[in-house]
Amino acid sequence: MKIRKGQTSIEFLIVFAISLLILGMVAWLIYEQITTINIQKENAEVQKLLLDISNTAKNVYIQGEGASKTLLLSFPPSYNSTGSGIINNTLLLRFRETTLAENMEFPISGILPASKGMHEISFISRGNSVYIGIALYKPNVYLISSVLSPNSAKTINLTLTNLINESITINGTIYWPHTNALLSVSELNFNVPSYESKTVIVTASSTSVTGSYLGYVNFNATYSSITDNQTIDIYTEVQ
């Protein structure tokens, strides 16, 4: 009787162990299935995100210089900012161990978010290229062109608009390696409050020498760890 009782206990332990093993295997299979479904779901989300970004960039590019659009986009929990970005006109989005890429047929530049979650992404046409990403500001023009008579001058208003709900600092530099035509900007370094605009005066002046002259003004905006560097091309023709 005692032997039978002990044998029953051993059989119970064996059955119990097998049951635990089966439950563990089932739980693992369910976990694997859920993980696979989540990966497939994230893959679809990232593919849609990539498509939304590329299609919006194409539409803004077709509309021409000055066109812009802002989208509120969701970057998934597994979004990897280190492996994401814009390289050689190719948009890269990395999540988990996968990188999706979309090659654009026109020049693109920009800054993608540094973290997962919801982000406002700006798309700004700069004529022959499109800026994609977290834009801090937007100029009203990307090319200032002037036709002058000898010994004359012309002023143009350049307006920079803050696109975020924080004050930004803008610092500018001029590249103008010419002496027969001159270029000046009324202010190069200033702060712009949230959603407000700052207008500076660009003055092109000529001497008695005719010719064509090309340069640019570069404005670098900063807020926290974000920087936004944009260039305004300047063309002056004296005739």
C-alpha atoms as a PDB file:
ATOM      1  CA  MET A   1       0.000   0.000   0.000  1.00  0.00           C
ATOM      2  CA  LYS A   2       2.847   2.336   0.844  1.00  0.00           C
ATOM      3  CA  ILE A   3       4.613   1.424  -2.374  1.00  0.00           C
ATOM      4  CA  ARG A   4       1.477   2.158  -4.355  1.00  0.00           C
ATOM      5  CA  LYS A   5       1.094   5.522  -2.641  1.00  0.00           C
ATOM      6  CA  GLY A   6       4.695   6.460  -3.365  1.00  0.00           C
ATOM      7  CA  GLN A   7       4.359   5.355  -6.960  1.00  0.00           C
ATOM      8  CA  THR A   8       1.246   7.512  -7.330  1.00  0.00           C
ATOM      9  CA  SER A   9       3.139  10.527  -6.012  1.00  0.00           C
ATOM     10  CA  ILE A  10       5.949   9.988  -8.503  1.00  0.00           C
ATOM     11  CA  GLU A  11       3.481   9.608 -11.360  1.00  0.00           C
ATOM     12  CA  PHE A  12       1.772  12.813 -10.253  1.00  0.00           C
ATOM     13  CA  LEU A  13       5.090  14.689 -10.251  1.00  0.00           C
ATOM     14  CA  ILE A  14       5.916  13.356 -13.704  1.00  0.00           C
ATOM     15  CA  VAL A  15       2.524  14.412 -15.053  1.00  0.00           C
ATOM     16  CA  PHE A  16       2.860  17.780 -13.347  1.00  0.00           C
ATOM     17  CA  ALA A  17       6.339  18.321 -14.834  1.00  0.00           C
ATOM     18  CA  ILE A  18       5.134  17.346 -18.300  1.00  0.00           C
ATOM     19  CA  SER A  19       2.177  19.703 -17.917  1.00  0.00           C
ATOM     20  CA  LEU A  20       4.501  22.553 -16.940  1.00  0.00           C
ATOM     21  CA  LEU A  21       6.712  21.778 -19.923  1.00  0.00           C
ATOM     22  CA  ILE A  22       3.745  21.785 -22.274  1.00  0.00           C
ATOM     23  CA  LEU A  23       2.433  25.033 -20.770  1.00  0.00           C
ATOM     24  CA  GLY A  24       5.885  26.579 -21.128  1.00  0.00           C
ATOM     25  CA  MET A  25       6.096  25.502 -24.761  1.00  0.00           C
ATOM     26  CA  VAL A  26       2.608  26.867 -25.464  1.00  0.00           C
ATOM     27  CA  ALA A  27       3.443  30.142 -23.708  1.00  0.00           C
ATOM     28  CA  TRP A  28       6.648  30.436 -25.717  1.00  0.00           C
ATOM     29  CA  LEU A  29       4.819  29.758 -28.979  1.00  0.00           C
ATOM     30  CA  ILE A  30       2.194  32.377 -28.067  1.00  0.00           C
ATOM     31  CA  TYR A  31       4.951  34.861 -27.177  1.00  0.00           C
ATOM     32  CA  GLU A  32       6.732  34.168 -30.466  1.00  0.00           C
ATOM     33  CA  GLN A  33       3.495  34.609 -32.385  1.00  0.00           C
ATOM     34  CA  ILE A  34       2.682  37.886 -30.616  1.00  0.00           C
ATOM     35  CA  THR A  35       6.231  39.142 -31.234  1.00  0.00           C
ATOM     36  CA  THR A  36       5.966  38.238 -34.914  1.00  0.00           C
ATOM     37  CA  ILE A  37       2.610  39.993 -35.202  1.00  0.00           C
ATOM     38  CA  ASN A  38       4.018  43.104 -33.478  1.00  0.00           C
ATOM     39  CA  ILE A  39       7.037  43.148 -35.782  1.00  0.00           C
ATOM     40  CA  GLN A  40       4.788  42.798 -38.832  1.00  0.00           C
ATOM     41  CA  LYS A  41       2.574  45.584 -37.499  1.00  0.00           C
ATOM     42  CA  GLU A  42       5.554  47.867 -36.878  1.00  0.00           C
ATOM     43  CA  ASN A  43       6.941  47.024 -40.305  1.00  0.00           C
ATOM     44  CA  ALA A  44       3.650  48.089 -41.890  1.00  0.00           C
ATOM     45  CA  GLU A  45       3.619  51.272 -39.777  1.00  0.00           C
ATOM     46  CA  VAL A  46       7.178  52.193 -40.778  1.00  0.00           C
ATOM     47  CA  GLN A  47       6.470  51.451 -44.446  1.00  0.00           C
ATOM     48  CA  LYS A  48       3.423  53.753 -44.256  1.00  0.00           C
ATOM     49  CA  LEU A  49       5.529  56.385 -42.442  1.00  0.00           C
ATOM     50  CA  LEU A  50       8.171  56.199 -45.170  1.00  0.00           C
ATOM     51  CA  LEU A  51       5.497  56.457 -47.869  1.00  0.00           C
ATOM     52  CA  ASP A  52       3.832  59.451 -46.167  1.00  0.00           C
ATOM     53  CA  ILE A  53       7.168  61.278 -45.915  1.00  0.00           C
ATOM     54  CA  SER A  54       8.285  60.555 -49.479  1.00  0.00           C
ATOM     55  CA  ASN A  55       4.897  61.367 -51.074  1.00  0.00           C
ATOM     56  CA  THR A  56       4.607  64.646 -49.162  1.00  0.00           C
ATOM     57  CA  ALA A  57       8.149  65.610 -50.167  1.00  0.00           C
ATOM     58  CA  LYS A  58       7.326  64.896 -53.824  1.00  0.00           C
ATOM     59  CA  ASN A  59       4.145  66.986 -53.681  1.00  0.00           C
ATOM     60  CA  VAL A  60       5.954  69.931 -52.080  1.00  0.00           C
ATOM     61  CA  TYR A  61       8.771  69.673 -54.636  1.00  0.00           C
ATOM     62  CA  ILE A  62       6.280  69.732 -57.545  1.00  0.00           C
ATOM     63  CA  GLN A  63       4.611  72.857 -56.117  1.00  0.00           C
ATOM     64  CA  GLY A  64       7.914  74.735 -56.340  1.00  0.00           C
ATOM     65  CA  GLU A  65       9.946  77.129 -54.227  1.00  0.00           C
ATOM     66  CA  GLY A  66       8.296  78.324 -51.040  1.00  0.00           C
ATOM     67  CA  ALA A  67       5.717  75.526 -50.892  1.00  0.00           C
ATOM     68  CA  SER A  68       5.498  73.850 -47.499  1.00  0.00           C
ATOM     69  CA  LYS A  69       3.478  71.398 -45.450  1.00  0.00           C
ATOM     70  CA  THR A  70       3.607  70.101 -41.883  1.00  0.00           C
ATOM     71  CA  LEU A  71       2.508  66.606 -40.844  1.00  0.00           C
ATOM     72  CA  LEU A  72       2.060  65.152 -37.364  1.00  0.00           C
ATOM     73  CA  LEU A  73       3.672  61.727 -37.711  1.00  0.00           C
ATOM     74  CA  SER A  74       4.062  58.810 -35.303  1.00  0.00           C
ATOM     75  CA  PHE A  75       7.484  57.160 -35.002  1.00  0.00           C
ATOM     76  CA  PRO A  76       7.102  53.627 -33.516  1.00  0.00           C
ATOM     77  CA  PRO A  77       8.589  52.495 -30.171  1.00  0.00           C
ATOM     78  CA  SER A  78      11.384  50.594 -31.932  1.00  0.00           C
ATOM     79  CA  TYR A  79      12.403  53.627 -34.035  1.00  0.00           C
ATOM     80  CA  ASN A  80      16.192  53.904 -34.112  1.00  0.00           C
ATOM     81  CA  SER A  81      17.279  57.498 -34.698  1.00  0.00           C
ATOM     82  CA  THR A  82      20.951  56.507 -34.940  1.00  0.00           C
ATOM     83  CA  GLY A  83      20.350  54.440 -38.077  1.00  0.00           C
ATOM     84  CA  SER A  84      17.780  56.830 -39.537  1.00  0.00           C
ATOM     85  CA  GLY A  85      18.373  59.986 -41.524  1.00  0.00           C
ATOM     86  CA  ILE A  86      18.918  61.463 -44.966  1.00  0.00           C
ATOM     87  CA  ILE A  87      22.030  60.387 -46.847  1.00  0.00           C
ATOM     88  CA  ASN A  88      22.778  61.125 -50.520  1.00  0.00           C
ATOM     89  CA  ASN A  89      19.119  61.990 -51.266  1.00  0.00           C
ATOM     90  CA  THR A  90      17.981  58.723 -49.688  1.00  0.00           C
ATOM     91  CA  LEU A  91      15.526  58.662 -46.785  1.00  0.00           C
ATOM     92  CA  LEU A  92      16.414  55.984 -44.208  1.00  0.00           C
ATOM     93  CA  LEU A  93      14.128  54.737 -41.431  1.00  0.00           C
ATOM     94  CA  ARG A  94      15.517  52.100 -39.065  1.00  0.00           C
ATOM     95  CA  PHE A  95      13.504  50.110 -36.537  1.00  0.00           C
ATOM     96  CA  ARG A  96      14.646  47.039 -34.622  1.00  0.00           C
ATOM     97  CA  GLU A  97      17.254  45.481 -36.939  1.00  0.00           C
ATOM     98  CA  THR A  98      15.593  46.589 -40.174  1.00  0.00           C
ATOM     99  CA  THR A  99      16.319  49.637 -42.327  1.00  0.00           C
ATOM    100  CA  LEU A 100      13.832  50.844 -44.929  1.00  0.00           C
ATOM    101  CA  ALA A 101      15.081  53.192 -47.648  1.00  0.00           C
ATOM    102  CA  GLU A 102      13.460  55.452 -50.230  1.00  0.00           C
ATOM    103  CA  ASN A 103      15.629  57.081 -52.875  1.00  0.00           C
ATOM    104  CA  MET A 104      14.319  60.458 -54.044  1.00  0.00           C
ATOM    105  CA  GLU A 105      14.732  61.774 -57.577  1.00  0.00           C
ATOM    106  CA  PHE A 106      15.596  65.272 -56.344  1.00  0.00           C
ATOM    107  CA  PRO A 107      17.913  66.654 -53.625  1.00  0.00           C
ATOM    108  CA  ILE A 108      16.637  66.345 -50.066  1.00  0.00           C
ATOM    109  CA  SER A 109      18.071  67.396 -46.722  1.00  0.00           C
ATOM    110  CA  GLY A 110      16.867  67.651 -43.160  1.00  0.00           C
ATOM    111  CA  ILE A 111      16.834  66.386 -39.589  1.00  0.00           C
ATOM    112  CA  LEU A 112      14.701  63.436 -38.496  1.00  0.00           C
ATOM    113  CA  PRO A 113      13.457  63.162 -34.884  1.00  0.00           C
ATOM    114  CA  ALA A 114      15.872  61.927 -32.229  1.00  0.00           C
ATOM    115  CA  SER A 115      13.199  59.945 -30.380  1.00  0.00           C
ATOM    116  CA  LYS A 116      10.093  57.825 -30.855  1.00  0.00           C
ATOM    117  CA  GLY A 117       6.549  59.161 -30.564  1.00  0.00           C
ATOM    118  CA  MET A 118       4.567  61.932 -32.241  1.00  0.00           C
ATOM    119  CA  HIS A 119       6.536  64.634 -34.055  1.00  0.00           C
ATOM    120  CA  GLU A 120       5.677  67.543 -36.334  1.00  0.00           C
ATOM    121  CA  ILE A 121       7.646  67.084 -39.550  1.00  0.00           C
ATOM    122  CA  SER A 122       8.015  70.030 -41.903  1.00  0.00           C
ATOM    123  CA  PHE A 123       8.410  69.781 -45.664  1.00  0.00           C
ATOM    124  CA  ILE A 124       9.760  72.933 -47.302  1.00  0.00           C
ATOM    125  CA  SER A 125      10.550  73.373 -50.982  1.00  0.00           C
ATOM    126  CA  ARG A 126      13.722  75.331 -51.624  1.00  0.00           C
ATOM    127  CA  GLY A 127      13.263  75.387 -55.370  1.00  0.00           C
ATOM    128  CA  ASN A 128      15.554  72.631 -56.564  1.00  0.00           C
ATOM    129  CA  SER A 129      15.470  70.694 -53.273  1.00  0.00           C
ATOM    130  CA  VAL A 130      13.206  69.831 -50.342  1.00  0.00           C
ATOM    131  CA  TYR A 131      13.908  70.099 -46.624  1.00  0.00           C
ATOM    132  CA  ILE A 132      12.403  67.268 -44.552  1.00  0.00           C
ATOM    133  CA  GLY A 133      12.335  67.111 -40.792  1.00  0.00           C
ATOM    134  CA  ILE A 134      12.221  69.282 -37.727  1.00  0.00           C
ATOM    135  CA  ALA A 135      12.408  72.784 -39.211  1.00  0.00           C
ATOM    136  CA  LEU A 136      12.857  75.662 -36.798  1.00  0.00           C
ATOM    137  CA  TYR A 137      12.156  78.447 -39.258  1.00  0.00           C
ATOM    138  CA  LYS A 138      11.180  79.246 -42.830  1.00  0.00           C
ATOM    139  CA  PRO A 139      12.485  82.070 -45.064  1.00  0.00           C
ATOM    140  CA  ASN A 140      10.036  83.767 -47.401  1.00  0.00           C
ATOM    141  CA  VAL A 141      12.477  83.244 -50.324  1.00  0.00           C
ATOM    142  CA  TYR A 142      15.499  81.063 -51.055  1.00  0.00           C
ATOM    143  CA  LEU A 143      16.845  83.179 -53.903  1.00  0.00           C
ATOM    144  CA  ILE A 144      17.280  86.939 -54.000  1.00  0.00           C
ATOM    145  CA  SER A 145      17.967  88.186 -57.502  1.00  0.00           C
ATOM    146  CA  SER A 146      18.753  91.800 -58.418  1.00  0.00           C
ATOM    147  CA  VAL A 147      19.419  93.553 -61.699  1.00  0.00           C
ATOM    148  CA  LEU A 148      21.240  96.865 -61.152  1.00  0.00           C
ATOM    149  CA  SER A 149      22.524  99.727 -63.196  1.00  0.00           C
ATOM    150  CA  PRO A 150      26.130 100.795 -62.528  1.00  0.00           C
ATOM    151  CA  ASN A 151      26.570 102.811 -59.311  1.00  0.00           C
ATOM    152  CA  SER A 152      23.138 101.984 -57.920  1.00  0.00           C
ATOM    153  CA  ALA A 153      21.591 100.007 -55.074  1.00  0.00           C
ATOM    154  CA  LYS A 154      18.529  97.916 -54.326  1.00  0.00           C
ATOM    155  CA  THR A 155      17.018  96.733 -51.043  1.00  0.00           C
ATOM    156  CA  ILE A 156      15.015  93.535 -50.534  1.00  0.00           C
ATOM    157  CA  ASN A 157      13.122  92.392 -47.443  1.00  0.00           C
ATOM    158  CA  LEU A 158      14.023  88.908 -46.230  1.00  0.00           C
ATOM    159  CA  THR A 159      11.606  87.467 -43.653  1.00  0.00           C
ATOM    160  CA  LEU A 160      12.392  84.498 -41.406  1.00  0.00           C
ATOM    161  CA  THR A 161       9.407  82.915 -39.628  1.00  0.00           C
ATOM    162  CA  ASN A 162       9.736  80.833 -36.465  1.00  0.00           C
ATOM    163  CA  LEU A 163       7.841  77.542 -36.914  1.00  0.00           C
ATOM    164  CA  ILE A 164       7.903  76.252 -33.327  1.00  0.00           C
ATOM    165  CA  ASN A 165       6.335  77.216 -30.018  1.00  0.00           C
ATOM    166  CA  GLU A 166       9.665  78.323 -28.534  1.00  0.00           C
ATOM    167  CA  SER A 167      12.041  81.220 -29.082  1.00  0.00           C
ATOM    168  CA  ILE A 168      14.921  80.428 -31.447  1.00  0.00           C
ATOM    169  CA  THR A 169      18.340  81.998 -31.923  1.00  0.00           C
ATOM    170  CA  ILE A 170      19.505  82.705 -35.476  1.00  0.00           C
ATOM    171  CA  ASN A 171      23.068  83.508 -36.498  1.00  0.00           C
ATOM    172  CA  GLY A 172      23.949  84.453 -40.052  1.00  0.00           C
ATOM    173  CA  THR A 173      27.083  84.630 -42.179  1.00  0.00           C
ATOM    174  CA  ILE A 174      27.629  86.185 -45.602  1.00  0.00           C
ATOM    175  CA  TYR A 175      29.627  84.636 -48.420  1.00  0.00           C
ATOM    176  CA  TRP A 176      30.279  87.347 -51.008  1.00  0.00           C
ATOM    177  CA  PRO A 177      33.794  87.262 -52.536  1.00  0.00           C
ATOM    178  CA  HIS A 178      33.228  90.244 -54.838  1.00  0.00           C
ATOM    179  CA  THR A 179      34.447  93.840 -54.776  1.00  0.00           C
ATOM    180  CA  ASN A 180      32.779  95.225 -57.916  1.00  0.00           C
ATOM    181  CA  ALA A 181      29.328  94.548 -56.439  1.00  0.00           C
ATOM    182  CA  LEU A 182      28.589  94.756 -52.724  1.00  0.00           C
ATOM    183  CA  LEU A 183      26.179  92.961 -50.412  1.00  0.00           C
ATOM    184  CA  SER A 184      25.031  93.767 -46.881  1.00  0.00           C
ATOM    185  CA  VAL A 185      22.387  92.501 -44.453  1.00  0.00           C
ATOM    186  CA  SER A 186      20.907  94.782 -41.795  1.00  0.00           C
ATOM    187  CA  GLU A 187      21.064  92.107 -39.052  1.00  0.00           C
ATOM    188  CA  LEU A 188      22.695  88.699 -38.959  1.00  0.00           C
ATOM    189  CA  ASN A 189      22.301  87.632 -35.313  1.00  0.00           C
ATOM    190  CA  PHE A 190      18.976  87.812 -33.473  1.00  0.00           C
ATOM    191  CA  ASN A 191      16.259  85.945 -31.570  1.00  0.00           C
ATOM    192  CA  VAL A 192      12.802  85.204 -32.969  1.00  0.00           C
ATOM    193  CA  PRO A 193       9.945  84.567 -30.485  1.00  0.00           C
ATOM    194  CA  SER A 194       7.618  81.596 -31.011  1.00  0.00           C
ATOM    195  CA  TYR A 195       5.621  81.708 -34.240  1.00  0.00           C
ATOM    196  CA  GLU A 196       6.761  85.268 -34.953  1.00  0.00           C
ATOM    197  CA  SER A 197       8.745  86.630 -37.885  1.00  0.00           C
ATOM    198  CA  LYS A 198      11.883  88.677 -38.237  1.00  0.00           C
ATOM    199  CA  THR A 199      12.514  90.825 -41.323  1.00  0.00           C
ATOM    200  CA  VAL A 200      16.011  91.900 -42.289  1.00  0.00           C
ATOM    201  CA  ILE A 201      17.005  94.157 -45.166  1.00  0.00           C
ATOM    202  CA  VAL A 202      19.334  92.823 -47.832  1.00  0.00           C
ATOM    203  CA  THR A 203      21.085  95.551 -49.819  1.00  0.00           C
ATOM    204  CA  ALA A 204      22.805  94.920 -53.138  1.00  0.00           C
ATOM    205  CA  SER A 205      24.871  97.766 -54.571  1.00  0.00           C
ATOM    206  CA  SER A 206      27.009  98.154 -57.672  1.00  0.00           C
ATOM    207  CA  THR A 207      30.091 100.006 -58.820  1.00  0.00           C
ATOM    208  CA  SER A 208      30.806 101.139 -62.361  1.00  0.00           C
ATOM    209  CA  VAL A 209      31.891  97.622 -63.374  1.00  0.00           C
ATOM    210  CA  THR A 210      29.281  95.424 -65.075  1.00  0.00           C
ATOM    211  CA  GLY A 211      29.012  91.658 -64.572  1.00  0.00           C
ATOM    212  CA  SER A 212      27.211  88.838 -62.790  1.00  0.00           C
ATOM    213  CA  TYR A 213      27.861  88.004 -59.158  1.00  0.00           C
ATOM    214  CA  LEU A 214      26.768  85.048 -57.036  1.00  0.00           C
ATOM    215  CA  GLY A 215      26.990  84.436 -53.294  1.00  0.00           C
ATOM    216  CA  TYR A 216      24.798  83.491 -50.367  1.00  0.00           C
ATOM    217  CA  VAL A 217      23.699  84.238 -46.825  1.00  0.00           C
ATOM    218  CA  ASN A 218      23.662  81.306 -44.425  1.00  0.00           C
ATOM    219  CA  PHE A 219      21.384  81.326 -41.375  1.00  0.00           C
ATOM    220  CA  ASN A 220      21.836  78.785 -38.602  1.00  0.00           C
ATOM    221  CA  ALA A 221      18.980  78.525 -36.105  1.00  0.00           C
ATOM    222  CA  THR A 222      19.272  76.715 -32.775  1.00  0.00           C
ATOM    223  CA  TYR A 223      16.859  75.572 -30.100  1.00  0.00           C
ATOM    224  CA  SER A 224      17.950  73.170 -27.368  1.00  0.00           C
ATOM    225  CA  SER A 225      19.879  70.402 -29.187  1.00  0.00           C
ATOM    226  CA  ILE A 226      18.210  71.072 -32.557  1.00  0.00           C
ATOM    227  CA  THR A 227      19.904  73.083 -35.306  1.00  0.00           C
ATOM    228  CA  ASP A 228      18.456  74.173 -38.634  1.00  0.00           C
ATOM    229  CA  ASN A 229      20.909  75.456 -41.217  1.00  0.00           C
ATOM    230  CA  GLN A 230      19.488  77.137 -44.341  1.00  0.00           C
ATOM    231  CA  THR A 231      21.026  79.078 -47.198  1.00  0.00           C
ATOM    232  CA  ILE A 232      19.645  82.015 -49.166  1.00  0.00           C
ATOM    233  CA  ASP A 233      21.294  82.338 -52.573  1.00  0.00           C
ATOM    234  CA  ILE A 234      22.082  85.866 -53.744  1.00  0.00           C
ATOM    235  CA  TYR A 235      22.453  86.785 -57.421  1.00  0.00           C
ATOM    236  CA  THR A 236      23.286  90.276 -58.619  1.00  0.00           C
ATOM    237  CA  GLU A 237      23.666  91.355 -62.213  1.00  0.00           C
ATOM    238  CA  VAL A 238      25.060  94.764 -63.096  1.00  0.00           C
ATOM    239  CA  GLN A 239      24.324  95.893 -66.666  1.00  0.00           C
END
